[in-house]
């Protein structure tokens, strides 16, 4: 789905961007193939808070949140004013397990 114009989450909803899937690489340099869609791919994901509803008090825009596996929507492609595209997903507020002000760097993912 592609969206143009302004979008805003309602109530306590949380929209995230930068949620990455695909091949993993540990900080020591080991590559772990993508297991998304397989049993071993069931794991929480980190995403950066892109927008929040007016009633959301647990997280702020720019925070990194760790969300239980599968507790996010499909991707919405949001067209920014400069023409670039941001991939946005809504996450279940009750499924946010932890929050960080910096991107966790013990494992990072790259799209394979």
PDB file of N, CA and C in Angstrom:
ATOM      1  N   UNK A   1       0.845  -1.165   0.000  1.00  0.00           N
ATOM      2  CA  UNK A   1       0.000   0.000   0.000  1.00  0.00           C
ATOM      3  C   UNK A   1       0.894   1.233   0.000  1.00  0.00           C
ATOM      4  N   UNK A   2       0.540   2.220  -0.815  1.00  0.00           N
ATOM      5  CA  UNK A   2       1.280   3.473  -0.871  1.00  0.00           C
ATOM      6  C   UNK A   2       0.377   4.597  -0.398  1.00  0.00           C
ATOM      7  N   UNK A   3       0.938   5.499   0.412  1.00  0.00           N
ATOM      8  CA  UNK A   3       0.174   6.609   0.962  1.00  0.00           C
ATOM      9  C   UNK A   3       0.929   7.899   0.681  1.00  0.00           C
ATOM     10  N   UNK A   4       0.186   8.909   0.297  1.00  0.00           N
ATOM     11  CA  UNK A   4       0.756  10.227   0.071  1.00  0.00           C
ATOM     12  C   UNK A   4      -0.063  11.209   0.888  1.00  0.00           C
ATOM     13  N   UNK A   5       0.548  12.254   1.378  1.00  0.00           N
ATOM     14  CA  UNK A   5      -0.151  13.204   2.230  1.00  0.00           C
ATOM     15  C   UNK A   5       0.210  12.964   3.678  1.00  0.00           C
ATOM     16  N   UNK A   6      -0.537  13.536   4.579  1.00  0.00           N
ATOM     17  CA  UNK A   6      -0.227  13.397   6.004  1.00  0.00           C
ATOM     18  C   UNK A   6      -0.993  12.227   6.601  1.00  0.00           C
ATOM     19  N   UNK A   7      -0.291  11.447   7.436  1.00  0.00           N
ATOM     20  CA  UNK A   7      -0.947  10.390   8.197  1.00  0.00           C
ATOM     21  C   UNK A   7      -0.580  10.575   9.663  1.00  0.00           C
ATOM     22  N   UNK A   8      -1.516  10.224  10.530  1.00  0.00           N
ATOM     23  CA  UNK A   8      -1.298  10.397  11.966  1.00  0.00           C
ATOM     24  C   UNK A   8      -1.940   9.226  12.701  1.00  0.00           C
ATOM     25  N   UNK A   9      -1.190   8.581  13.598  1.00  0.00           N
ATOM     26  CA  UNK A   9      -1.779   7.503  14.391  1.00  0.00           C
ATOM     27  C   UNK A   9      -2.835   8.048  15.345  1.00  0.00           C
ATOM     28  N   UNK A  10      -3.870   7.259  15.587  1.00  0.00           N
ATOM     29  CA  UNK A  10      -4.926   7.647  16.517  1.00  0.00           C
ATOM     30  C   UNK A  10      -4.636   7.111  17.915  1.00  0.00           C
ATOM     31  N   UNK A  11      -5.178   7.780  18.919  1.00  0.00           N
ATOM     32  CA  UNK A  11      -5.114   7.384  20.332  1.00  0.00           C
ATOM     33  C   UNK A  11      -3.704   7.002  20.758  1.00  0.00           C
ATOM     34  N   UNK A  12      -3.468   5.724  21.146  1.00  0.00           N
ATOM     35  CA  UNK A  12      -2.147   5.328  21.662  1.00  0.00           C
ATOM     36  C   UNK A  12      -1.361   4.500  20.650  1.00  0.00           C
ATOM     37  N   UNK A  13      -1.723   4.586  19.367  1.00  0.00           N
ATOM     38  CA  UNK A  13      -1.067   3.789  18.334  1.00  0.00           C
ATOM     39  C   UNK A  13       0.371   4.255  18.105  1.00  0.00           C
ATOM     40  N   UNK A  14       1.204   3.310  17.636  1.00  0.00           N
ATOM     41  CA  UNK A  14       2.618   3.586  17.377  1.00  0.00           C
ATOM     42  C   UNK A  14       2.952   3.128  15.961  1.00  0.00           C
ATOM     43  N   UNK A  15       3.534   4.018  15.157  1.00  0.00           N
ATOM     44  CA  UNK A  15       4.027   3.679  13.825  1.00  0.00           C
ATOM     45  C   UNK A  15       5.544   3.639  13.902  1.00  0.00           C
ATOM     46  N   UNK A  16       6.149   2.616  13.287  1.00  0.00           N
ATOM     47  CA  UNK A  16       7.600   2.504  13.277  1.00  0.00           C
ATOM     48  C   UNK A  16       8.114   2.443  11.845  1.00  0.00           C
ATOM     49  N   UNK A  17       9.370   2.801  11.693  1.00  0.00           N
ATOM     50  CA  UNK A  17      10.093   2.636  10.432  1.00  0.00           C
ATOM     51  C   UNK A  17      11.387   1.899  10.783  1.00  0.00           C
ATOM     52  N   UNK A  18      12.198   1.646   9.800  1.00  0.00           N
ATOM     53  CA  UNK A  18      13.496   0.993  10.000  1.00  0.00           C
ATOM     54  C   UNK A  18      13.393  -0.386  10.645  1.00  0.00           C
ATOM     55  N   UNK A  19      12.281  -1.081  10.469  1.00  0.00           N
ATOM     56  CA  UNK A  19      12.168  -2.453  10.957  1.00  0.00           C
ATOM     57  C   UNK A  19      12.794  -3.328   9.877  1.00  0.00           C
ATOM     58  N   UNK A  20      13.846  -4.030  10.222  1.00  0.00           N
ATOM     59  CA  UNK A  20      14.627  -4.737   9.213  1.00  0.00           C
ATOM     60  C   UNK A  20      14.404  -6.242   9.263  1.00  0.00           C
ATOM     61  N   UNK A  21      14.383  -6.816   8.079  1.00  0.00           N
ATOM     62  CA  UNK A  21      14.230  -8.253   7.893  1.00  0.00           C
ATOM     63  C   UNK A  21      15.347  -8.699   6.959  1.00  0.00           C
ATOM     64  N   UNK A  22      15.593  -9.959   6.907  1.00  0.00           N
ATOM     65  CA  UNK A  22      16.605 -10.454   5.985  1.00  0.00           C
ATOM     66  C   UNK A  22      17.802 -11.018   6.721  1.00  0.00           C
ATOM     67  N   UNK A  23      18.928 -11.077   6.009  1.00  0.00           N
ATOM     68  CA  UNK A  23      20.135 -11.668   6.568  1.00  0.00           C
ATOM     69  C   UNK A  23      20.636 -10.884   7.773  1.00  0.00           C
ATOM     70  N   UNK A  24      21.109 -11.607   8.794  1.00  0.00           N
ATOM     71  CA  UNK A  24      21.671 -10.980   9.982  1.00  0.00           C
ATOM     72  C   UNK A  24      23.185 -11.068   9.944  1.00  0.00           C
ATOM     73  N   UNK A  25      23.827 -10.107  10.538  1.00  0.00           N
ATOM     74  CA  UNK A  25      25.271 -10.148  10.705  1.00  0.00           C
ATOM     75  C   UNK A  25      25.567  -9.732  12.132  1.00  0.00           C
ATOM     76  N   UNK A  26      26.265 -10.594  12.874  1.00  0.00           N
ATOM     77  CA  UNK A  26      26.616 -10.263  14.249  1.00  0.00           C
ATOM     78  C   UNK A  26      27.764  -9.273  14.240  1.00  0.00           C
ATOM     79  N   UNK A  27      28.026  -8.635  15.369  1.00  0.00           N
ATOM     80  CA  UNK A  27      29.119  -7.663  15.430  1.00  0.00           C
ATOM     81  C   UNK A  27      30.471  -8.326  15.231  1.00  0.00           C
ATOM     82  N   UNK A  28      30.548  -9.634  15.480  1.00  0.00           N
ATOM     83  CA  UNK A  28      31.817 -10.338  15.246  1.00  0.00           C
ATOM     84  C   UNK A  28      31.988 -10.715  13.781  1.00  0.00           C
ATOM     85  N   UNK A  29      30.980 -10.458  12.936  1.00  0.00           N
ATOM     86  CA  UNK A  29      31.110 -10.679  11.511  1.00  0.00           C
ATOM     87  C   UNK A  29      30.470 -11.948  10.980  1.00  0.00           C
ATOM     88  N   UNK A  30      29.795 -12.714  11.815  1.00  0.00           N
ATOM     89  CA  UNK A  30      29.134 -13.928  11.353  1.00  0.00           C
ATOM     90  C   UNK A  30      27.838 -13.583  10.644  1.00  0.00           C
ATOM     91  N   UNK A  31      27.592 -14.231   9.500  1.00  0.00           N
ATOM     92  CA  UNK A  31      26.345 -14.031   8.771  1.00  0.00           C
ATOM     93  C   UNK A  31      25.375 -15.154   9.108  1.00  0.00           C
ATOM     94  N   UNK A  32      24.141 -14.783   9.390  1.00  0.00           N
ATOM     95  CA  UNK A  32      23.089 -15.734   9.694  1.00  0.00           C
ATOM     96  C   UNK A  32      22.020 -15.553   8.625  1.00  0.00           C
ATOM     97  N   UNK A  33      21.761 -16.607   7.815  1.00  0.00           N
ATOM     98  CA  UNK A  33      20.773 -16.460   6.742  1.00  0.00           C
ATOM     99  C   UNK A  33      19.389 -16.081   7.282  1.00  0.00           C
ATOM    100  N   UNK A  34      18.606 -15.439   6.433  1.00  0.00           N
ATOM    101  CA  UNK A  34      17.257 -15.047   6.809  1.00  0.00           C
ATOM    102  C   UNK A  34      16.422 -16.277   7.112  1.00  0.00           C
ATOM    103  N   UNK A  35      15.685 -16.231   8.198  1.00  0.00           N
ATOM    104  CA  UNK A  35      14.782 -17.325   8.558  1.00  0.00           C
ATOM    105  C   UNK A  35      13.362 -16.798   8.686  1.00  0.00           C
ATOM    106  N   UNK A  36      13.099 -15.613   8.144  1.00  0.00           N
ATOM    107  CA  UNK A  36      11.773 -15.032   8.237  1.00  0.00           C
ATOM    108  C   UNK A  36      10.779 -15.954   7.540  1.00  0.00           C
ATOM    109  N   UNK A  37       9.686 -16.236   8.180  1.00  0.00           N
ATOM    110  CA  UNK A  37       8.686 -17.133   7.634  1.00  0.00           C
ATOM    111  C   UNK A  37       8.898 -18.580   8.030  1.00  0.00           C
ATOM    112  N   UNK A  38      10.008 -18.862   8.716  1.00  0.00           N
ATOM    113  CA  UNK A  38      10.286 -20.206   9.202  1.00  0.00           C
ATOM    114  C   UNK A  38      10.251 -20.193  10.718  1.00  0.00           C
ATOM    115  N   UNK A  39      10.163 -21.357  11.332  1.00  0.00           N
ATOM    116  CA  UNK A  39      10.075 -21.454  12.787  1.00  0.00           C
ATOM    117  C   UNK A  39      11.233 -20.728  13.459  1.00  0.00           C
ATOM    118  N   UNK A  40      12.474 -20.922  12.955  1.00  0.00           N
ATOM    119  CA  UNK A  40      13.630 -20.281  13.582  1.00  0.00           C
ATOM    120  C   UNK A  40      13.669 -18.770  13.343  1.00  0.00           C
ATOM    121  N   UNK A  41      12.785 -18.269  12.468  1.00  0.00           N
ATOM    122  CA  UNK A  41      12.714 -16.832  12.213  1.00  0.00           C
ATOM    123  C   UNK A  41      11.758 -16.107  13.140  1.00  0.00           C
ATOM    124  N   UNK A  42      11.140 -16.859  14.058  1.00  0.00           N
ATOM    125  CA  UNK A  42      10.207 -16.243  14.997  1.00  0.00           C
ATOM    126  C   UNK A  42      11.007 -15.551  16.091  1.00  0.00           C
ATOM    127  N   UNK A  43      11.094 -14.239  16.002  1.00  0.00           N
ATOM    128  CA  UNK A  43      11.856 -13.465  16.978  1.00  0.00           C
ATOM    129  C   UNK A  43      11.340 -12.035  16.987  1.00  0.00           C
ATOM    130  N   UNK A  44      11.576 -11.344  18.075  1.00  0.00           N
ATOM    131  CA  UNK A  44      11.166  -9.938  18.114  1.00  0.00           C
ATOM    132  C   UNK A  44      12.003  -9.107  17.143  1.00  0.00           C
ATOM    133  N   UNK A  45      11.500  -7.956  16.774  1.00  0.00           N
ATOM    134  CA  UNK A  45      12.202  -7.049  15.859  1.00  0.00           C
ATOM    135  C   UNK A  45      12.278  -5.662  16.479  1.00  0.00           C
ATOM    136  N   UNK A  46      13.350  -4.961  16.143  1.00  0.00           N
ATOM    137  CA  UNK A  46      13.506  -3.572  16.550  1.00  0.00           C
ATOM    138  C   UNK A  46      12.990  -2.669  15.442  1.00  0.00           C
ATOM    139  N   UNK A  47      12.380  -1.565  15.813  1.00  0.00           N
ATOM    140  CA  UNK A  47      11.935  -0.553  14.864  1.00  0.00           C
ATOM    141  C   UNK A  47      12.060   0.813  15.513  1.00  0.00           C
ATOM    142  N   UNK A  48      12.207   1.822  14.696  1.00  0.00           N
ATOM    143  CA  UNK A  48      12.320   3.192  15.209  1.00  0.00           C
ATOM    144  C   UNK A  48      10.957   3.859  15.168  1.00  0.00           C
ATOM    145  N   UNK A  49      10.564   4.464  16.270  1.00  0.00           N
ATOM    146  CA  UNK A  49       9.255   5.112  16.360  1.00  0.00           C
ATOM    147  C   UNK A  49       9.230   6.302  15.400  1.00  0.00           C
ATOM    148  N   UNK A  50       8.286   6.243  14.471  1.00  0.00           N
ATOM    149  CA  UNK A  50       8.155   7.246  13.421  1.00  0.00           C
ATOM    150  C   UNK A  50       7.063   8.259  13.755  1.00  0.00           C
ATOM    151  N   UNK A  51       5.994   7.784  14.389  1.00  0.00           N
ATOM    152  CA  UNK A  51       4.884   8.665  14.779  1.00  0.00           C
ATOM    153  C   UNK A  51       4.108   7.987  15.905  1.00  0.00           C
ATOM    154  N   UNK A  52       3.472   8.808  16.752  1.00  0.00           N
ATOM    155  CA  UNK A  52       2.662   8.279  17.857  1.00  0.00           C
ATOM    156  C   UNK A  52       1.345   9.039  17.941  1.00  0.00           C
ATOM    157  N   UNK A  53       0.343   8.355  18.483  1.00  0.00           N
ATOM    158  CA  UNK A  53      -0.950   8.994  18.711  1.00  0.00           C
ATOM    159  C   UNK A  53      -0.893   9.913  19.926  1.00  0.00           C
ATOM    160  N   UNK A  54      -1.882  10.767  20.071  1.00  0.00           N
ATOM    161  CA  UNK A  54      -1.916  11.757  21.150  1.00  0.00           C
ATOM    162  C   UNK A  54      -1.943  11.147  22.547  1.00  0.00           C
ATOM    163  N   UNK A  55      -2.461   9.930  22.686  1.00  0.00           N
ATOM    164  CA  UNK A  55      -2.583   9.302  23.999  1.00  0.00           C
ATOM    165  C   UNK A  55      -1.403   8.392  24.349  1.00  0.00           C
ATOM    166  N   UNK A  56      -0.422   8.267  23.470  1.00  0.00           N
ATOM    167  CA  UNK A  56       0.727   7.390  23.725  1.00  0.00           C
ATOM    168  C   UNK A  56       1.702   8.073  24.688  1.00  0.00           C
ATOM    169  N   UNK A  57       1.976   7.428  25.818  1.00  0.00           N
ATOM    170  CA  UNK A  57       2.866   8.014  26.829  1.00  0.00           C
ATOM    171  C   UNK A  57       4.100   7.164  27.112  1.00  0.00           C
ATOM    172  N   UNK A  58       4.163   5.946  26.560  1.00  0.00           N
ATOM    173  CA  UNK A  58       5.265   5.036  26.869  1.00  0.00           C
ATOM    174  C   UNK A  58       6.489   5.243  25.989  1.00  0.00           C
ATOM    175  N   UNK A  59       6.303   5.712  24.771  1.00  0.00           N
ATOM    176  CA  UNK A  59       7.425   5.891  23.842  1.00  0.00           C
ATOM    177  C   UNK A  59       7.337   7.265  23.198  1.00  0.00           C
ATOM    178  N   UNK A  60       8.457   7.690  22.631  1.00  0.00           N
ATOM    179  CA  UNK A  60       8.524   8.982  21.947  1.00  0.00           C
ATOM    180  C   UNK A  60       9.041   8.779  20.533  1.00  0.00           C
ATOM    181  N   UNK A  61       8.751   9.722  19.666  1.00  0.00           N
ATOM    182  CA  UNK A  61       9.268   9.675  18.305  1.00  0.00           C
ATOM    183  C   UNK A  61      10.793   9.658  18.363  1.00  0.00           C
ATOM    184  N   UNK A  62      11.396   8.733  17.602  1.00  0.00           N
ATOM    185  CA  UNK A  62      12.844   8.595  17.574  1.00  0.00           C
ATOM    186  C   UNK A  62      13.366   7.461  18.450  1.00  0.00           C
ATOM    187  N   UNK A  63      12.550   6.989  19.417  1.00  0.00           N
ATOM    188  CA  UNK A  63      12.943   5.841  20.237  1.00  0.00           C
ATOM    189  C   UNK A  63      13.040   4.588  19.372  1.00  0.00           C
ATOM    190  N   UNK A  64      13.847   3.628  19.803  1.00  0.00           N
ATOM    191  CA  UNK A  64      13.899   2.303  19.201  1.00  0.00           C
ATOM    192  C   UNK A  64      13.109   1.371  20.113  1.00  0.00           C
ATOM    193  N   UNK A  65      12.175   0.607  19.543  1.00  0.00           N
ATOM    194  CA  UNK A  65      11.355  -0.304  20.340  1.00  0.00           C
ATOM    195  C   UNK A  65      11.531  -1.739  19.841  1.00  0.00           C
ATOM    196  N   UNK A  66      11.524  -2.672  20.777  1.00  0.00           N
ATOM    197  CA  UNK A  66      11.590  -4.094  20.462  1.00  0.00           C
ATOM    198  C   UNK A  66      10.171  -4.641  20.591  1.00  0.00           C
ATOM    199  N   UNK A  67       9.673  -5.237  19.503  1.00  0.00           N
ATOM    200  CA  UNK A  67       8.280  -5.665  19.416  1.00  0.00           C
ATOM    201  C   UNK A  67       8.211  -7.182  19.272  1.00  0.00           C
ATOM    202  N   UNK A  68       7.276  -7.799  19.996  1.00  0.00           N
ATOM    203  CA  UNK A  68       7.067  -9.242  19.898  1.00  0.00           C
ATOM    204  C   UNK A  68       6.867  -9.642  18.436  1.00  0.00           C
ATOM    205  N   UNK A  69       7.303 -10.857  18.104  1.00  0.00           N
ATOM    206  CA  UNK A  69       7.213 -11.337  16.726  1.00  0.00           C
ATOM    207  C   UNK A  69       5.791 -11.274  16.180  1.00  0.00           C
ATOM    208  N   UNK A  70       5.677 -10.724  14.987  1.00  0.00           N
ATOM    209  CA  UNK A  70       4.410 -10.718  14.277  1.00  0.00           C
ATOM    210  C   UNK A  70       3.376  -9.726  14.757  1.00  0.00           C
ATOM    211  N   UNK A  71       3.731  -8.865  15.682  1.00  0.00           N
ATOM    212  CA  UNK A  71       2.762  -7.919  16.245  1.00  0.00           C
ATOM    213  C   UNK A  71       2.867  -6.558  15.552  1.00  0.00           C
ATOM    214  N   UNK A  72       2.996  -6.611  14.224  1.00  0.00           N
ATOM    215  CA  UNK A  72       3.048  -5.408  13.410  1.00  0.00           C
ATOM    216  C   UNK A  72       2.241  -5.653  12.139  1.00  0.00           C
ATOM    217  N   UNK A  73       1.868  -4.577  11.475  1.00  0.00           N
ATOM    218  CA  UNK A  73       1.090  -4.672  10.243  1.00  0.00           C
ATOM    219  C   UNK A  73       2.013  -4.848   9.047  1.00  0.00           C
ATOM    220  N   UNK A  74       1.389  -5.047   7.908  1.00  0.00           N
ATOM    221  CA  UNK A  74       2.152  -5.056   6.661  1.00  0.00           C
ATOM    222  C   UNK A  74       2.685  -3.643   6.416  1.00  0.00           C
ATOM    223  N   UNK A  75       3.631  -3.555   5.520  1.00  0.00           N
ATOM    224  CA  UNK A  75       4.284  -2.284   5.223  1.00  0.00           C
ATOM    225  C   UNK A  75       3.363  -1.325   4.467  1.00  0.00           C
ATOM    226  N   UNK A  76       3.427  -0.078   4.876  1.00  0.00           N
ATOM    227  CA  UNK A  76       2.803   1.018   4.140  1.00  0.00           C
ATOM    228  C   UNK A  76       3.954   1.873   3.630  1.00  0.00           C
ATOM    229  N   UNK A  77       3.981   2.132   2.344  1.00  0.00           N
ATOM    230  CA  UNK A  77       5.022   2.990   1.781  1.00  0.00           C
ATOM    231  C   UNK A  77       4.515   4.424   1.819  1.00  0.00           C
ATOM    232  N   UNK A  78       5.191   5.252   2.608  1.00  0.00           N
ATOM    233  CA  UNK A  78       4.796   6.643   2.773  1.00  0.00           C
ATOM    234  C   UNK A  78       5.714   7.520   1.929  1.00  0.00           C
ATOM    235  N   UNK A  79       5.112   8.325   1.060  1.00  0.00           N
ATOM    236  CA  UNK A  79       5.890   9.222   0.210  1.00  0.00           C
ATOM    237  C   UNK A  79       6.105  10.540   0.936  1.00  0.00           C
ATOM    238  N   UNK A  80       7.374  10.844   1.241  1.00  0.00           N
ATOM    239  CA  UNK A  80       7.738  12.068   1.941  1.00  0.00           C
ATOM    240  C   UNK A  80       7.670  13.263   1.000  1.00  0.00           C
ATOM    241  N   UNK A  81       7.711  14.462   1.561  1.00  0.00           N
ATOM    242  CA  UNK A  81       7.635  15.691   0.763  1.00  0.00           C
ATOM    243  C   UNK A  81       8.763  15.790  -0.252  1.00  0.00           C
ATOM    244  N   UNK A  82       9.940  15.225   0.076  1.00  0.00           N
ATOM    245  CA  UNK A  82      11.076  15.284  -0.846  1.00  0.00           C
ATOM    246  C   UNK A  82      11.025  14.192  -1.913  1.00  0.00           C
ATOM    247  N   UNK A  83       9.969  13.370  -1.893  1.00  0.00           N
ATOM    248  CA  UNK A  83       9.814  12.316  -2.886  1.00  0.00           C
ATOM    249  C   UNK A  83      10.362  10.963  -2.466  1.00  0.00           C
ATOM    250  N   UNK A  84      11.119  10.933  -1.363  1.00  0.00           N
ATOM    251  CA  UNK A  84      11.656   9.660  -0.886  1.00  0.00           C
ATOM    252  C   UNK A  84      10.537   8.832  -0.249  1.00  0.00           C
ATOM    253  N   UNK A  85      10.770   7.545  -0.123  1.00  0.00           N
ATOM    254  CA  UNK A  85       9.781   6.620   0.431  1.00  0.00           C
ATOM    255  C   UNK A  85      10.261   6.121   1.794  1.00  0.00           C
ATOM    256  N   UNK A  86       9.382   6.130   2.783  1.00  0.00           N
ATOM    257  CA  UNK A  86       9.649   5.548   4.103  1.00  0.00           C
ATOM    258  C   UNK A  86       8.691   4.389   4.296  1.00  0.00           C
ATOM    259  N   UNK A  87       9.236   3.220   4.663  1.00  0.00           N
ATOM    260  CA  UNK A  87       8.395   2.066   4.964  1.00  0.00           C
ATOM    261  C   UNK A  87       7.943   2.158   6.406  1.00  0.00           C
ATOM    262  N   UNK A  88       6.618   2.188   6.621  1.00  0.00           N
ATOM    263  CA  UNK A  88       6.032   2.384   7.943  1.00  0.00           C
ATOM    264  C   UNK A  88       5.152   1.191   8.275  1.00  0.00           C
ATOM    265  N   UNK A  89       5.181   0.770   9.543  1.00  0.00           N
ATOM    266  CA  UNK A  89       4.294  -0.285  10.039  1.00  0.00           C
ATOM    267  C   UNK A  89       3.688   0.187  11.359  1.00  0.00           C
ATOM    268  N   UNK A  90       2.465  -0.235  11.627  1.00  0.00           N
ATOM    269  CA  UNK A  90       1.883   0.011  12.937  1.00  0.00           C
ATOM    270  C   UNK A  90       2.208  -1.202  13.797  1.00  0.00           C
ATOM    271  N   UNK A  91       2.647  -0.958  15.037  1.00  0.00           N
ATOM    272  CA  UNK A  91       2.918  -2.050  15.965  1.00  0.00           C
ATOM    273  C   UNK A  91       1.877  -2.046  17.069  1.00  0.00           C
ATOM    274  N   UNK A  92       1.645  -3.219  17.626  1.00  0.00           N
ATOM    275  CA  UNK A  92       0.715  -3.357  18.742  1.00  0.00           C
ATOM    276  C   UNK A  92       1.388  -2.749  19.981  1.00  0.00           C
ATOM    277  N   UNK A  93       0.804  -1.716  20.544  1.00  0.00           N
ATOM    278  CA  UNK A  93       1.393  -1.035  21.707  1.00  0.00           C
ATOM    279  C   UNK A  93       1.637  -1.987  22.872  1.00  0.00           C
ATOM    280  N   UNK A  94       0.746  -2.968  23.051  1.00  0.00           N
ATOM    281  CA  UNK A  94       0.900  -3.929  24.145  1.00  0.00           C
ATOM    282  C   UNK A  94       2.024  -4.926  23.890  1.00  0.00           C
ATOM    283  N   UNK A  95       2.530  -5.000  22.658  1.00  0.00           N
ATOM    284  CA  UNK A  95       3.586  -5.945  22.305  1.00  0.00           C
ATOM    285  C   UNK A  95       4.973  -5.321  22.347  1.00  0.00           C
ATOM    286  N   UNK A  96       5.064  -4.049  22.733  1.00  0.00           N
ATOM    287  CA  UNK A  96       6.378  -3.410  22.865  1.00  0.00           C
ATOM    288  C   UNK A  96       7.006  -3.911  24.160  1.00  0.00           C
ATOM    289  N   UNK A  97       8.151  -4.601  24.029  1.00  0.00           N
ATOM    290  CA  UNK A  97       8.789  -5.232  25.188  1.00  0.00           C
ATOM    291  C   UNK A  97       9.835  -4.343  25.846  1.00  0.00           C
ATOM    292  N   UNK A  98      10.517  -3.527  25.051  1.00  0.00           N
ATOM    293  CA  UNK A  98      11.534  -2.633  25.615  1.00  0.00           C
ATOM    294  C   UNK A  98      11.756  -1.465  24.670  1.00  0.00           C
ATOM    295  N   UNK A  99      12.385  -0.441  25.208  1.00  0.00           N
ATOM    296  CA  UNK A  99      12.629   0.772  24.440  1.00  0.00           C
ATOM    297  C   UNK A  99      14.070   1.214  24.680  1.00  0.00           C
ATOM    298  N   UNK A 100      14.680   1.802  23.656  1.00  0.00           N
ATOM    299  CA  UNK A 100      16.050   2.293  23.750  1.00  0.00           C
ATOM    300  C   UNK A 100      16.125   3.636  23.031  1.00  0.00           C
ATOM    301  N   UNK A 101      16.973   4.519  23.512  1.00  0.00           N
ATOM    302  CA  UNK A 101      17.130   5.796  22.817  1.00  0.00           C
ATOM    303  C   UNK A 101      18.159   5.705  21.697  1.00  0.00           C
ATOM    304  N   UNK A 102      18.873   4.573  21.610  1.00  0.00           N
ATOM    305  CA  UNK A 102      19.842   4.348  20.538  1.00  0.00           C
ATOM    306  C   UNK A 102      19.527   3.042  19.836  1.00  0.00           C
ATOM    307  N   UNK A 103      19.916   2.943  18.573  1.00  0.00           N
ATOM    308  CA  UNK A 103      19.709   1.697  17.834  1.00  0.00           C
ATOM    309  C   UNK A 103      20.586   0.606  18.448  1.00  0.00           C
ATOM    310  N   UNK A 104      19.980  -0.517  18.833  1.00  0.00           N
ATOM    311  CA  UNK A 104      20.782  -1.616  19.376  1.00  0.00           C
ATOM    312  C   UNK A 104      21.789  -2.082  18.330  1.00  0.00           C
ATOM    313  N   UNK A 105      23.029  -2.322  18.750  1.00  0.00           N
ATOM    314  CA  UNK A 105      24.055  -2.661  17.774  1.00  0.00           C
ATOM    315  C   UNK A 105      24.711  -4.016  18.009  1.00  0.00           C
ATOM    316  N   UNK A 106      24.130  -4.874  18.849  1.00  0.00           N
ATOM    317  CA  UNK A 106      24.741  -6.188  19.052  1.00  0.00           C
ATOM    318  C   UNK A 106      24.532  -7.078  17.844  1.00  0.00           C
ATOM    319  N   UNK A 107      23.438  -6.907  17.122  1.00  0.00           N
ATOM    320  CA  UNK A 107      23.177  -7.610  15.862  1.00  0.00           C
ATOM    321  C   UNK A 107      22.519  -6.612  14.949  1.00  0.00           C
ATOM    322  N   UNK A 108      22.957  -6.576  13.706  1.00  0.00           N
ATOM    323  CA  UNK A 108      22.238  -5.725  12.750  1.00  0.00           C
ATOM    324  C   UNK A 108      21.914  -6.538  11.527  1.00  0.00           C
ATOM    325  N   UNK A 109      20.911  -6.125  10.822  1.00  0.00           N
ATOM    326  CA  UNK A 109      20.408  -6.873   9.686  1.00  0.00           C
ATOM    327  C   UNK A 109      20.663  -6.080   8.405  1.00  0.00           C
ATOM    328  N   UNK A 110      20.845  -6.815   7.334  1.00  0.00           N
ATOM    329  CA  UNK A 110      20.906  -6.174   6.034  1.00  0.00           C
ATOM    330  C   UNK A 110      19.980  -6.925   5.098  1.00  0.00           C
ATOM    331  N   UNK A 111      19.346  -6.206   4.221  1.00  0.00           N
ATOM    332  CA  UNK A 111      18.419  -6.839   3.301  1.00  0.00           C
ATOM    333  C   UNK A 111      19.239  -7.691   2.331  1.00  0.00           C
ATOM    334  N   UNK A 112      18.884  -8.962   2.245  1.00  0.00           N
ATOM    335  CA  UNK A 112      19.630  -9.908   1.392  1.00  0.00           C
ATOM    336  C   UNK A 112      19.201  -9.801  -0.045  1.00  0.00           C
TER     337      UNK A 112
END
